[in-house]
Amino acid sequence: MADRPDAPKPAGRPDPRRSLERDVGRLQRRDPSGSSFWRSLSVLGTVGWSIALPATAGAWLGHRLDLYFGSGVRFTLMLLFAGVMLGSAIAWRVVREHRK
């Protein structure tokens, strides 16, 4: 018995034509320049630096204030936390802009 083109397929097997159309559509939507890897890597670096620099600056400034006022680690922890929060907000904005 020959397979007819209009015959229903068995329930468990996917239609190869639909899979092929899906794969062709994915290939057409890809970035033809191949720079998406490098772009993603640059965003990753930007996100890392945008968190690390404000956190480090906050910790350094807080340490200096703690030494000046003799307050233990109070200013260090507060400004470290503030730097991480500021850096996270900047990183969130960078990632949101990258997704557009």
PDB file of N, CA and C in Angstrom:
ATOM      1  N   MET A   1       0.837  -1.166   0.000  1.00  0.00           N
ATOM      2  CA  MET A   1       0.000   0.000   0.000  1.00  0.00           C
ATOM      3  C   MET A   1       0.886   1.234   0.000  1.00  0.00           C
ATOM      4  N   ALA A   2       0.754   2.050  -1.006  1.00  0.00           N
ATOM      5  CA  ALA A   2       1.585   3.249  -1.153  1.00  0.00           C
ATOM      6  C   ALA A   2       1.027   4.382  -0.298  1.00  0.00           C
ATOM      7  N   ASP A   3       1.962   5.233   0.193  1.00  0.00           N
ATOM      8  CA  ASP A   3       1.543   6.395   0.987  1.00  0.00           C
ATOM      9  C   ASP A   3       0.982   7.459   0.062  1.00  0.00           C
ATOM     10  N   ARG A   4      -0.165   7.921   0.385  1.00  0.00           N
ATOM     11  CA  ARG A   4      -0.770   9.013  -0.360  1.00  0.00           C
ATOM     12  C   ARG A   4      -0.398  10.323   0.300  1.00  0.00           C
ATOM     13  N   PRO A   5      -0.209  11.413  -0.464  1.00  0.00           N
ATOM     14  CA  PRO A   5       0.165  12.695   0.131  1.00  0.00           C
ATOM     15  C   PRO A   5      -0.906  13.252   1.065  1.00  0.00           C
ATOM     16  N   ASP A   6      -2.182  12.929   0.798  1.00  0.00           N
ATOM     17  CA  ASP A   6      -3.248  13.471   1.638  1.00  0.00           C
ATOM     18  C   ASP A   6      -3.625  12.540   2.788  1.00  0.00           C
ATOM     19  N   ALA A   7      -2.934  11.425   2.908  1.00  0.00           N
ATOM     20  CA  ALA A   7      -3.235  10.474   3.980  1.00  0.00           C
ATOM     21  C   ALA A   7      -2.757  11.034   5.319  1.00  0.00           C
ATOM     22  N   PRO A   8      -3.532  10.808   6.382  1.00  0.00           N
ATOM     23  CA  PRO A   8      -3.107  11.310   7.696  1.00  0.00           C
ATOM     24  C   PRO A   8      -1.865  10.575   8.187  1.00  0.00           C
ATOM     25  N   LYS A   9      -1.019  11.283   8.874  1.00  0.00           N
ATOM     26  CA  LYS A   9       0.207  10.703   9.419  1.00  0.00           C
ATOM     27  C   LYS A   9      -0.106  10.029  10.755  1.00  0.00           C
ATOM     28  N   PRO A  10       0.711   9.072  11.145  1.00  0.00           N
ATOM     29  CA  PRO A  10       0.521   8.483  12.474  1.00  0.00           C
ATOM     30  C   PRO A  10       0.671   9.554  13.551  1.00  0.00           C
ATOM     31  N   ALA A  11      -0.006   9.350  14.672  1.00  0.00           N
ATOM     32  CA  ALA A  11      -0.088  10.375  15.713  1.00  0.00           C
ATOM     33  C   ALA A  11       1.260  10.721  16.336  1.00  0.00           C
ATOM     34  N   GLY A  12       2.186   9.794  16.456  1.00  0.00           N
ATOM     35  CA  GLY A  12       3.419  10.048  17.171  1.00  0.00           C
ATOM     36  C   GLY A  12       4.536  10.656  16.343  1.00  0.00           C
ATOM     37  N   ARG A  13       4.415  10.713  15.043  1.00  0.00           N
ATOM     38  CA  ARG A  13       5.510  11.198  14.200  1.00  0.00           C
ATOM     39  C   ARG A  13       5.242  12.617  13.724  1.00  0.00           C
ATOM     40  N   PRO A  14       6.225  13.511  13.878  1.00  0.00           N
ATOM     41  CA  PRO A  14       6.031  14.882  13.384  1.00  0.00           C
ATOM     42  C   PRO A  14       6.150  14.928  11.864  1.00  0.00           C
ATOM     43  N   ASP A  15       5.510  15.912  11.294  1.00  0.00           N
ATOM     44  CA  ASP A  15       5.550  16.110   9.858  1.00  0.00           C
ATOM     45  C   ASP A  15       6.909  16.686   9.478  1.00  0.00           C
ATOM     46  N   PRO A  16       7.689  16.000   8.637  1.00  0.00           N
ATOM     47  CA  PRO A  16       9.027  16.517   8.296  1.00  0.00           C
ATOM     48  C   PRO A  16       8.982  17.842   7.541  1.00  0.00           C
ATOM     49  N   ARG A  17       7.913  18.082   6.781  1.00  0.00           N
ATOM     50  CA  ARG A  17       7.819  19.357   6.070  1.00  0.00           C
ATOM     51  C   ARG A  17       7.669  20.517   7.041  1.00  0.00           C
ATOM     52  N   ARG A  18       6.878  20.332   8.090  1.00  0.00           N
ATOM     53  CA  ARG A  18       6.701  21.380   9.089  1.00  0.00           C
ATOM     54  C   ARG A  18       8.023  21.648   9.821  1.00  0.00           C
ATOM     55  N   SER A  19       8.773  20.585  10.138  1.00  0.00           N
ATOM     56  CA  SER A  19      10.068  20.752  10.792  1.00  0.00           C
ATOM     57  C   SER A  19      11.044  21.501   9.890  1.00  0.00           C
ATOM     58  N   LEU A  20      11.035  21.166   8.609  1.00  0.00           N
ATOM     59  CA  LEU A  20      11.912  21.835   7.664  1.00  0.00           C
ATOM     60  C   LEU A  20      11.563  23.314   7.536  1.00  0.00           C
ATOM     61  N   GLU A  21      10.264  23.631   7.455  1.00  0.00           N
ATOM     62  CA  GLU A  21       9.846  25.029   7.370  1.00  0.00           C
ATOM     63  C   GLU A  21      10.254  25.805   8.631  1.00  0.00           C
ATOM     64  N   ARG A  22      10.131  25.172   9.786  1.00  0.00           N
ATOM     65  CA  ARG A  22      10.519  25.816  11.036  1.00  0.00           C
ATOM     66  C   ARG A  22      12.023  26.099  11.051  1.00  0.00           C
ATOM     67  N   ASP A  23      12.822  25.137  10.623  1.00  0.00           N
ATOM     68  CA  ASP A  23      14.272  25.321  10.616  1.00  0.00           C
ATOM     69  C   ASP A  23      14.703  26.382   9.604  1.00  0.00           C
ATOM     70  N   VAL A  24      14.069  26.417   8.447  1.00  0.00           N
ATOM     71  CA  VAL A  24      14.391  27.431   7.443  1.00  0.00           C
ATOM     72  C   VAL A  24      14.043  28.818   7.983  1.00  0.00           C
ATOM     73  N   GLY A  25      12.901  28.938   8.666  1.00  0.00           N
ATOM     74  CA  GLY A  25      12.529  30.213   9.265  1.00  0.00           C
ATOM     75  C   GLY A  25      13.530  30.671  10.311  1.00  0.00           C
ATOM     76  N   ARG A  26      14.026  29.747  11.110  1.00  0.00           N
ATOM     77  CA  ARG A  26      15.040  30.090  12.118  1.00  0.00           C
ATOM     78  C   ARG A  26      16.327  30.579  11.454  1.00  0.00           C
ATOM     79  N   LEU A  27      16.732  29.913  10.397  1.00  0.00           N
ATOM     80  CA  LEU A  27      17.954  30.329   9.699  1.00  0.00           C
ATOM     81  C   LEU A  27      17.798  31.709   9.067  1.00  0.00           C
ATOM     82  N   GLN A  28      16.628  32.001   8.560  1.00  0.00           N
ATOM     83  CA  GLN A  28      16.409  33.304   7.938  1.00  0.00           C
ATOM     84  C   GLN A  28      16.390  34.429   8.973  1.00  0.00           C
ATOM     85  N   ARG A  29      15.957  34.134  10.201  1.00  0.00           N
ATOM     86  CA  ARG A  29      15.913  35.156  11.239  1.00  0.00           C
ATOM     87  C   ARG A  29      17.267  35.395  11.891  1.00  0.00           C
ATOM     88  N   ARG A  30      18.213  34.512  11.691  1.00  0.00           N
ATOM     89  CA  ARG A  30      19.526  34.679  12.316  1.00  0.00           C
ATOM     90  C   ARG A  30      20.250  35.886  11.755  1.00  0.00           C
ATOM     91  N   ASP A  31      21.164  36.416  12.575  1.00  0.00           N
ATOM     92  CA  ASP A  31      21.974  37.561  12.164  1.00  0.00           C
ATOM     93  C   ASP A  31      22.977  37.087  11.108  1.00  0.00           C
ATOM     94  N   PRO A  32      22.903  37.608   9.887  1.00  0.00           N
ATOM     95  CA  PRO A  32      23.775  37.111   8.828  1.00  0.00           C
ATOM     96  C   PRO A  32      25.247  37.484   9.014  1.00  0.00           C
ATOM     97  N   SER A  33      25.523  38.496   9.816  1.00  0.00           N
ATOM     98  CA  SER A  33      26.913  38.931   9.952  1.00  0.00           C
ATOM     99  C   SER A  33      27.715  38.031  10.880  1.00  0.00           C
ATOM    100  N   GLY A  34      27.037  37.251  11.717  1.00  0.00           N
ATOM    101  CA  GLY A  34      27.752  36.382  12.637  1.00  0.00           C
ATOM    102  C   GLY A  34      28.331  37.117  13.827  1.00  0.00           C
ATOM    103  N   SER A  35      27.924  38.358  14.036  1.00  0.00           N
ATOM    104  CA  SER A  35      28.490  39.144  15.118  1.00  0.00           C
ATOM    105  C   SER A  35      27.685  39.043  16.398  1.00  0.00           C
ATOM    106  N   SER A  36      26.665  38.207  16.435  1.00  0.00           N
ATOM    107  CA  SER A  36      25.828  38.134  17.627  1.00  0.00           C
ATOM    108  C   SER A  36      26.621  37.601  18.822  1.00  0.00           C
ATOM    109  N   PHE A  37      27.561  36.695  18.592  1.00  0.00           N
ATOM    110  CA  PHE A  37      28.392  36.186  19.683  1.00  0.00           C
ATOM    111  C   PHE A  37      29.211  37.311  20.298  1.00  0.00           C
ATOM    112  N   TRP A  38      29.860  38.109  19.459  1.00  0.00           N
ATOM    113  CA  TRP A  38      30.706  39.185  19.959  1.00  0.00           C
ATOM    114  C   TRP A  38      29.871  40.279  20.607  1.00  0.00           C
ATOM    115  N   ARG A  39      28.699  40.516  20.065  1.00  0.00           N
ATOM    116  CA  ARG A  39      27.821  41.511  20.665  1.00  0.00           C
ATOM    117  C   ARG A  39      27.362  41.056  22.044  1.00  0.00           C
ATOM    118  N   SER A  40      27.002  39.799  22.171  1.00  0.00           N
ATOM    119  CA  SER A  40      26.598  39.259  23.468  1.00  0.00           C
ATOM    120  C   SER A  40      27.748  39.283  24.461  1.00  0.00           C
ATOM    121  N   LEU A  41      28.940  38.999  23.985  1.00  0.00           N
ATOM    122  CA  LEU A  41      30.108  39.034  24.858  1.00  0.00           C
ATOM    123  C   LEU A  41      30.386  40.459  25.338  1.00  0.00           C
ATOM    124  N   SER A  42      30.198  41.427  24.481  1.00  0.00           N
ATOM    125  CA  SER A  42      30.423  42.816  24.905  1.00  0.00           C
ATOM    126  C   SER A  42      29.371  43.259  25.911  1.00  0.00           C
ATOM    127  N   VAL A  43      28.134  42.812  25.740  1.00  0.00           N
ATOM    128  CA  VAL A  43      27.093  43.142  26.718  1.00  0.00           C
ATOM    129  C   VAL A  43      27.406  42.494  28.059  1.00  0.00           C
ATOM    130  N   LEU A  44      27.894  41.276  28.039  1.00  0.00           N
ATOM    131  CA  LEU A  44      28.268  40.593  29.277  1.00  0.00           C
ATOM    132  C   LEU A  44      29.368  41.356  30.004  1.00  0.00           C
ATOM    133  N   GLY A  45      30.363  41.817  29.275  1.00  0.00           N
ATOM    134  CA  GLY A  45      31.420  42.611  29.885  1.00  0.00           C
ATOM    135  C   GLY A  45      30.917  43.926  30.429  1.00  0.00           C
ATOM    136  N   THR A  46      30.016  44.568  29.698  1.00  0.00           N
ATOM    137  CA  THR A  46      29.445  45.833  30.150  1.00  0.00           C
ATOM    138  C   THR A  46      28.646  45.642  31.430  1.00  0.00           C
ATOM    139  N   VAL A  47      27.881  44.565  31.497  1.00  0.00           N
ATOM    140  CA  VAL A  47      27.098  44.286  32.698  1.00  0.00           C
ATOM    141  C   VAL A  47      28.021  44.044  33.888  1.00  0.00           C
ATOM    142  N   GLY A  48      29.083  43.282  33.686  1.00  0.00           N
ATOM    143  CA  GLY A  48      30.024  43.002  34.771  1.00  0.00           C
ATOM    144  C   GLY A  48      30.692  44.258  35.292  1.00  0.00           C
ATOM    145  N   TRP A  49      31.180  45.073  34.378  1.00  0.00           N
ATOM    146  CA  TRP A  49      31.855  46.307  34.796  1.00  0.00           C
ATOM    147  C   TRP A  49      30.892  47.291  35.426  1.00  0.00           C
ATOM    148  N   SER A  50      29.655  47.320  34.938  1.00  0.00           N
ATOM    149  CA  SER A  50      28.699  48.279  35.494  1.00  0.00           C
ATOM    150  C   SER A  50      28.304  47.930  36.924  1.00  0.00           C
ATOM    151  N   ILE A  51      28.461  46.690  37.332  1.00  0.00           N
ATOM    152  CA  ILE A  51      28.213  46.314  38.723  1.00  0.00           C
ATOM    153  C   ILE A  51      29.492  46.436  39.544  1.00  0.00           C
ATOM    154  N   ALA A  52      30.614  46.001  38.979  1.00  0.00           N
ATOM    155  CA  ALA A  52      31.867  45.959  39.740  1.00  0.00           C
ATOM    156  C   ALA A  52      32.406  47.356  40.080  1.00  0.00           C
ATOM    157  N   LEU A  53      32.353  48.281  39.147  1.00  0.00           N
ATOM    158  CA  LEU A  53      32.929  49.602  39.406  1.00  0.00           C
ATOM    159  C   LEU A  53      32.189  50.404  40.487  1.00  0.00           C
ATOM    160  N   PRO A  54      30.864  50.519  40.423  1.00  0.00           N
ATOM    161  CA  PRO A  54      30.192  51.247  41.508  1.00  0.00           C
ATOM    162  C   PRO A  54      30.336  50.548  42.865  1.00  0.00           C
ATOM    163  N   ALA A  55      30.332  49.223  42.881  1.00  0.00           N
ATOM    164  CA  ALA A  55      30.497  48.500  44.144  1.00  0.00           C
ATOM    165  C   ALA A  55      31.881  48.751  44.730  1.00  0.00           C
ATOM    166  N   THR A  56      32.893  48.701  43.898  1.00  0.00           N
ATOM    167  CA  THR A  56      34.258  48.945  44.369  1.00  0.00           C
ATOM    168  C   THR A  56      34.429  50.387  44.824  1.00  0.00           C
ATOM    169  N   ALA A  57      33.881  51.318  44.064  1.00  0.00           N
ATOM    170  CA  ALA A  57      33.973  52.731  44.452  1.00  0.00           C
ATOM    171  C   ALA A  57      33.253  52.981  45.769  1.00  0.00           C
ATOM    172  N   GLY A  58      32.086  52.363  45.946  1.00  0.00           N
ATOM    173  CA  GLY A  58      31.357  52.519  47.197  1.00  0.00           C
ATOM    174  C   GLY A  58      32.112  51.931  48.376  1.00  0.00           C
ATOM    175  N   ALA A  59      32.709  50.761  48.184  1.00  0.00           N
ATOM    176  CA  ALA A  59      33.484  50.139  49.264  1.00  0.00           C
ATOM    177  C   ALA A  59      34.711  50.989  49.606  1.00  0.00           C
ATOM    178  N   TRP A  60      35.376  51.493  48.604  1.00  0.00           N
ATOM    179  CA  TRP A  60      36.574  52.311  48.852  1.00  0.00           C
ATOM    180  C   TRP A  60      36.213  53.605  49.589  1.00  0.00           C
ATOM    181  N   LEU A  61      35.174  54.284  49.101  1.00  0.00           N
ATOM    182  CA  LEU A  61      34.753  55.529  49.749  1.00  0.00           C
ATOM    183  C   LEU A  61      34.258  55.260  51.177  1.00  0.00           C
ATOM    184  N   GLY A  62      33.499  54.186  51.350  1.00  0.00           N
ATOM    185  CA  GLY A  62      33.022  53.826  52.677  1.00  0.00           C
ATOM    186  C   GLY A  62      34.157  53.512  53.633  1.00  0.00           C
ATOM    187  N   HIS A  63      35.179  52.825  53.148  1.00  0.00           N
ATOM    188  CA  HIS A  63      36.346  52.520  53.979  1.00  0.00           C
ATOM    189  C   HIS A  63      37.055  53.802  54.400  1.00  0.00           C
ATOM    190  N   ARG A  64      37.199  54.733  53.470  1.00  0.00           N
ATOM    191  CA  ARG A  64      37.829  56.015  53.798  1.00  0.00           C
ATOM    192  C   ARG A  64      37.022  56.777  54.860  1.00  0.00           C
ATOM    193  N   LEU A  65      35.705  56.762  54.711  1.00  0.00           N
ATOM    194  CA  LEU A  65      34.858  57.442  55.698  1.00  0.00           C
ATOM    195  C   LEU A  65      34.928  56.746  57.066  1.00  0.00           C
ATOM    196  N   ASP A  66      34.976  55.418  57.047  1.00  0.00           N
ATOM    197  CA  ASP A  66      35.105  54.679  58.310  1.00  0.00           C
ATOM    198  C   ASP A  66      36.421  55.001  59.002  1.00  0.00           C
ATOM    199  N   LEU A  67      37.491  55.117  58.246  1.00  0.00           N
ATOM    200  CA  LEU A  67      38.778  55.475  58.848  1.00  0.00           C
ATOM    201  C   LEU A  67      38.738  56.900  59.423  1.00  0.00           C
ATOM    202  N   TYR A  68      38.092  57.792  58.712  1.00  0.00           N
ATOM    203  CA  TYR A  68      38.040  59.186  59.148  1.00  0.00           C
ATOM    204  C   TYR A  68      37.200  59.348  60.422  1.00  0.00           C
ATOM    205  N   PHE A  69      36.011  58.693  60.428  1.00  0.00           N
ATOM    206  CA  PHE A  69      35.114  58.837  61.571  1.00  0.00           C
ATOM    207  C   PHE A  69      35.314  57.765  62.641  1.00  0.00           C
ATOM    208  N   GLY A  70      36.108  56.725  62.368  1.00  0.00           N
ATOM    209  CA  GLY A  70      36.328  55.640  63.318  1.00  0.00           C
ATOM    210  C   GLY A  70      35.060  54.858  63.622  1.00  0.00           C
ATOM    211  N   SER A  71      34.289  54.556  62.592  1.00  0.00           N
ATOM    212  CA  SER A  71      32.977  53.931  62.787  1.00  0.00           C
ATOM    213  C   SER A  71      32.943  52.447  62.437  1.00  0.00           C
ATOM    214  N   GLY A  72      34.066  51.771  62.450  1.00  0.00           N
ATOM    215  CA  GLY A  72      34.069  50.334  62.136  1.00  0.00           C
ATOM    216  C   GLY A  72      33.903  50.106  60.648  1.00  0.00           C
ATOM    217  N   VAL A  73      32.855  49.363  60.302  1.00  0.00           N
ATOM    218  CA  VAL A  73      32.609  49.075  58.878  1.00  0.00           C
ATOM    219  C   VAL A  73      31.241  49.591  58.431  1.00  0.00           C
ATOM    220  N   ARG A  74      30.671  50.483  59.187  1.00  0.00           N
ATOM    221  CA  ARG A  74      29.317  50.967  58.909  1.00  0.00           C
ATOM    222  C   ARG A  74      29.215  51.608  57.524  1.00  0.00           C
ATOM    223  N   PHE A  75      30.053  52.579  57.224  1.00  0.00           N
ATOM    224  CA  PHE A  75      29.987  53.264  55.927  1.00  0.00           C
ATOM    225  C   PHE A  75      30.418  52.343  54.782  1.00  0.00           C
ATOM    226  N   THR A  76      31.366  51.464  55.066  1.00  0.00           N
ATOM    227  CA  THR A  76      31.813  50.535  54.018  1.00  0.00           C
ATOM    228  C   THR A  76      30.655  49.674  53.541  1.00  0.00           C
ATOM    229  N   LEU A  77      29.925  49.085  54.478  1.00  0.00           N
ATOM    230  CA  LEU A  77      28.811  48.215  54.089  1.00  0.00           C
ATOM    231  C   LEU A  77      27.678  48.990  53.431  1.00  0.00           C
ATOM    232  N   MET A  78      27.367  50.170  53.965  1.00  0.00           N
ATOM    233  CA  MET A  78      26.281  50.960  53.371  1.00  0.00           C
ATOM    234  C   MET A  78      26.610  51.380  51.946  1.00  0.00           C
ATOM    235  N   LEU A  79      27.813  51.882  51.729  1.00  0.00           N
ATOM    236  CA  LEU A  79      28.157  52.355  50.386  1.00  0.00           C
ATOM    237  C   LEU A  79      28.440  51.203  49.429  1.00  0.00           C
ATOM    238  N   LEU A  80      28.913  50.077  49.944  1.00  0.00           N
ATOM    239  CA  LEU A  80      29.050  48.883  49.100  1.00  0.00           C
ATOM    240  C   LEU A  80      27.683  48.443  48.606  1.00  0.00           C
ATOM    241  N   PHE A  81      26.716  48.386  49.499  1.00  0.00           N
ATOM    242  CA  PHE A  81      25.354  48.010  49.119  1.00  0.00           C
ATOM    243  C   PHE A  81      24.770  49.013  48.120  1.00  0.00           C
ATOM    244  N   ALA A  82      24.977  50.298  48.380  1.00  0.00           N
ATOM    245  CA  ALA A  82      24.475  51.326  47.455  1.00  0.00           C
ATOM    246  C   ALA A  82      25.129  51.195  46.079  1.00  0.00           C
ATOM    247  N   GLY A  83      26.432  50.882  46.048  1.00  0.00           N
ATOM    248  CA  GLY A  83      27.122  50.696  44.774  1.00  0.00           C
ATOM    249  C   GLY A  83      26.604  49.494  44.006  1.00  0.00           C
ATOM    250  N   VAL A  84      26.320  48.409  44.722  1.00  0.00           N
ATOM    251  CA  VAL A  84      25.773  47.212  44.058  1.00  0.00           C
ATOM    252  C   VAL A  84      24.389  47.507  43.504  1.00  0.00           C
ATOM    253  N   MET A  85      23.574  48.223  44.265  1.00  0.00           N
ATOM    254  CA  MET A  85      22.227  48.573  43.787  1.00  0.00           C
ATOM    255  C   MET A  85      22.291  49.486  42.563  1.00  0.00           C
ATOM    256  N   LEU A  86      23.156  50.484  42.603  1.00  0.00           N
ATOM    257  CA  LEU A  86      23.318  51.379  41.462  1.00  0.00           C
ATOM    258  C   LEU A  86      23.830  50.605  40.240  1.00  0.00           C
ATOM    259  N   GLY A  87      24.830  49.772  40.445  1.00  0.00           N
ATOM    260  CA  GLY A  87      25.366  48.974  39.340  1.00  0.00           C
ATOM    261  C   GLY A  87      24.344  48.015  38.771  1.00  0.00           C
ATOM    262  N   SER A  88      23.511  47.433  39.626  1.00  0.00           N
ATOM    263  CA  SER A  88      22.469  46.523  39.142  1.00  0.00           C
ATOM    264  C   SER A  88      21.435  47.265  38.302  1.00  0.00           C
ATOM    265  N   ALA A  89      21.094  48.476  38.710  1.00  0.00           N
ATOM    266  CA  ALA A  89      20.148  49.272  37.919  1.00  0.00           C
ATOM    267  C   ALA A  89      20.742  49.617  36.554  1.00  0.00           C
ATOM    268  N   ILE A  90      22.011  49.953  36.531  1.00  0.00           N
ATOM    269  CA  ILE A  90      22.673  50.255  35.258  1.00  0.00           C
ATOM    270  C   ILE A  90      22.729  49.004  34.380  1.00  0.00           C
ATOM    271  N   ALA A  91      23.067  47.868  34.986  1.00  0.00           N
ATOM    272  CA  ALA A  91      23.145  46.612  34.229  1.00  0.00           C
ATOM    273  C   ALA A  91      21.776  46.226  33.683  1.00  0.00           C
ATOM    274  N   TRP A  92      20.730  46.413  34.466  1.00  0.00           N
ATOM    275  CA  TRP A  92      19.371  46.115  34.005  1.00  0.00           C
ATOM    276  C   TRP A  92      19.019  46.957  32.778  1.00  0.00           C
ATOM    277  N   ARG A  93      19.382  48.238  32.812  1.00  0.00           N
ATOM    278  CA  ARG A  93      19.109  49.114  31.677  1.00  0.00           C
ATOM    279  C   ARG A  93      19.876  48.673  30.435  1.00  0.00           C
ATOM    280  N   VAL A  94      21.155  48.269  30.625  1.00  0.00           N
ATOM    281  CA  VAL A  94      21.968  47.823  29.489  1.00  0.00           C
ATOM    282  C   VAL A  94      21.360  46.574  28.856  1.00  0.00           C
ATOM    283  N   VAL A  95      20.965  45.625  29.690  1.00  0.00           N
ATOM    284  CA  VAL A  95      20.390  44.379  29.170  1.00  0.00           C
ATOM    285  C   VAL A  95      19.060  44.658  28.481  1.00  0.00           C
ATOM    286  N   ARG A  96      18.235  45.526  29.056  1.00  0.00           N
ATOM    287  CA  ARG A  96      16.952  45.869  28.444  1.00  0.00           C
ATOM    288  C   ARG A  96      17.146  46.518  27.079  1.00  0.00           C
ATOM    289  N   GLU A  97      18.144  47.392  26.957  1.00  0.00           N
ATOM    290  CA  GLU A  97      18.408  48.035  25.664  1.00  0.00           C
ATOM    291  C   GLU A  97      18.973  47.040  24.653  1.00  0.00           C
ATOM    292  N   HIS A  98      19.730  46.068  25.134  1.00  0.00           N
ATOM    293  CA  HIS A  98      20.307  45.064  24.235  1.00  0.00           C
ATOM    294  C   HIS A  98      19.211  44.160  23.655  1.00  0.00           C
ATOM    295  N   ARG A  99      18.180  43.906  24.418  1.00  0.00           N
ATOM    296  CA  ARG A  99      17.113  43.008  23.966  1.00  0.00           C
ATOM    297  C   ARG A  99      16.234  43.628  22.895  1.00  0.00           C
ATOM    298  N   LYS A 100      16.245  44.946  22.759  1.00  0.00           N
ATOM    299  CA  LYS A 100      15.385  45.625  21.761  1.00  0.00           C
ATOM    300  C   LYS A 100      15.900  45.418  20.371  1.00  0.00           C
TER     301      LYS A 100
END
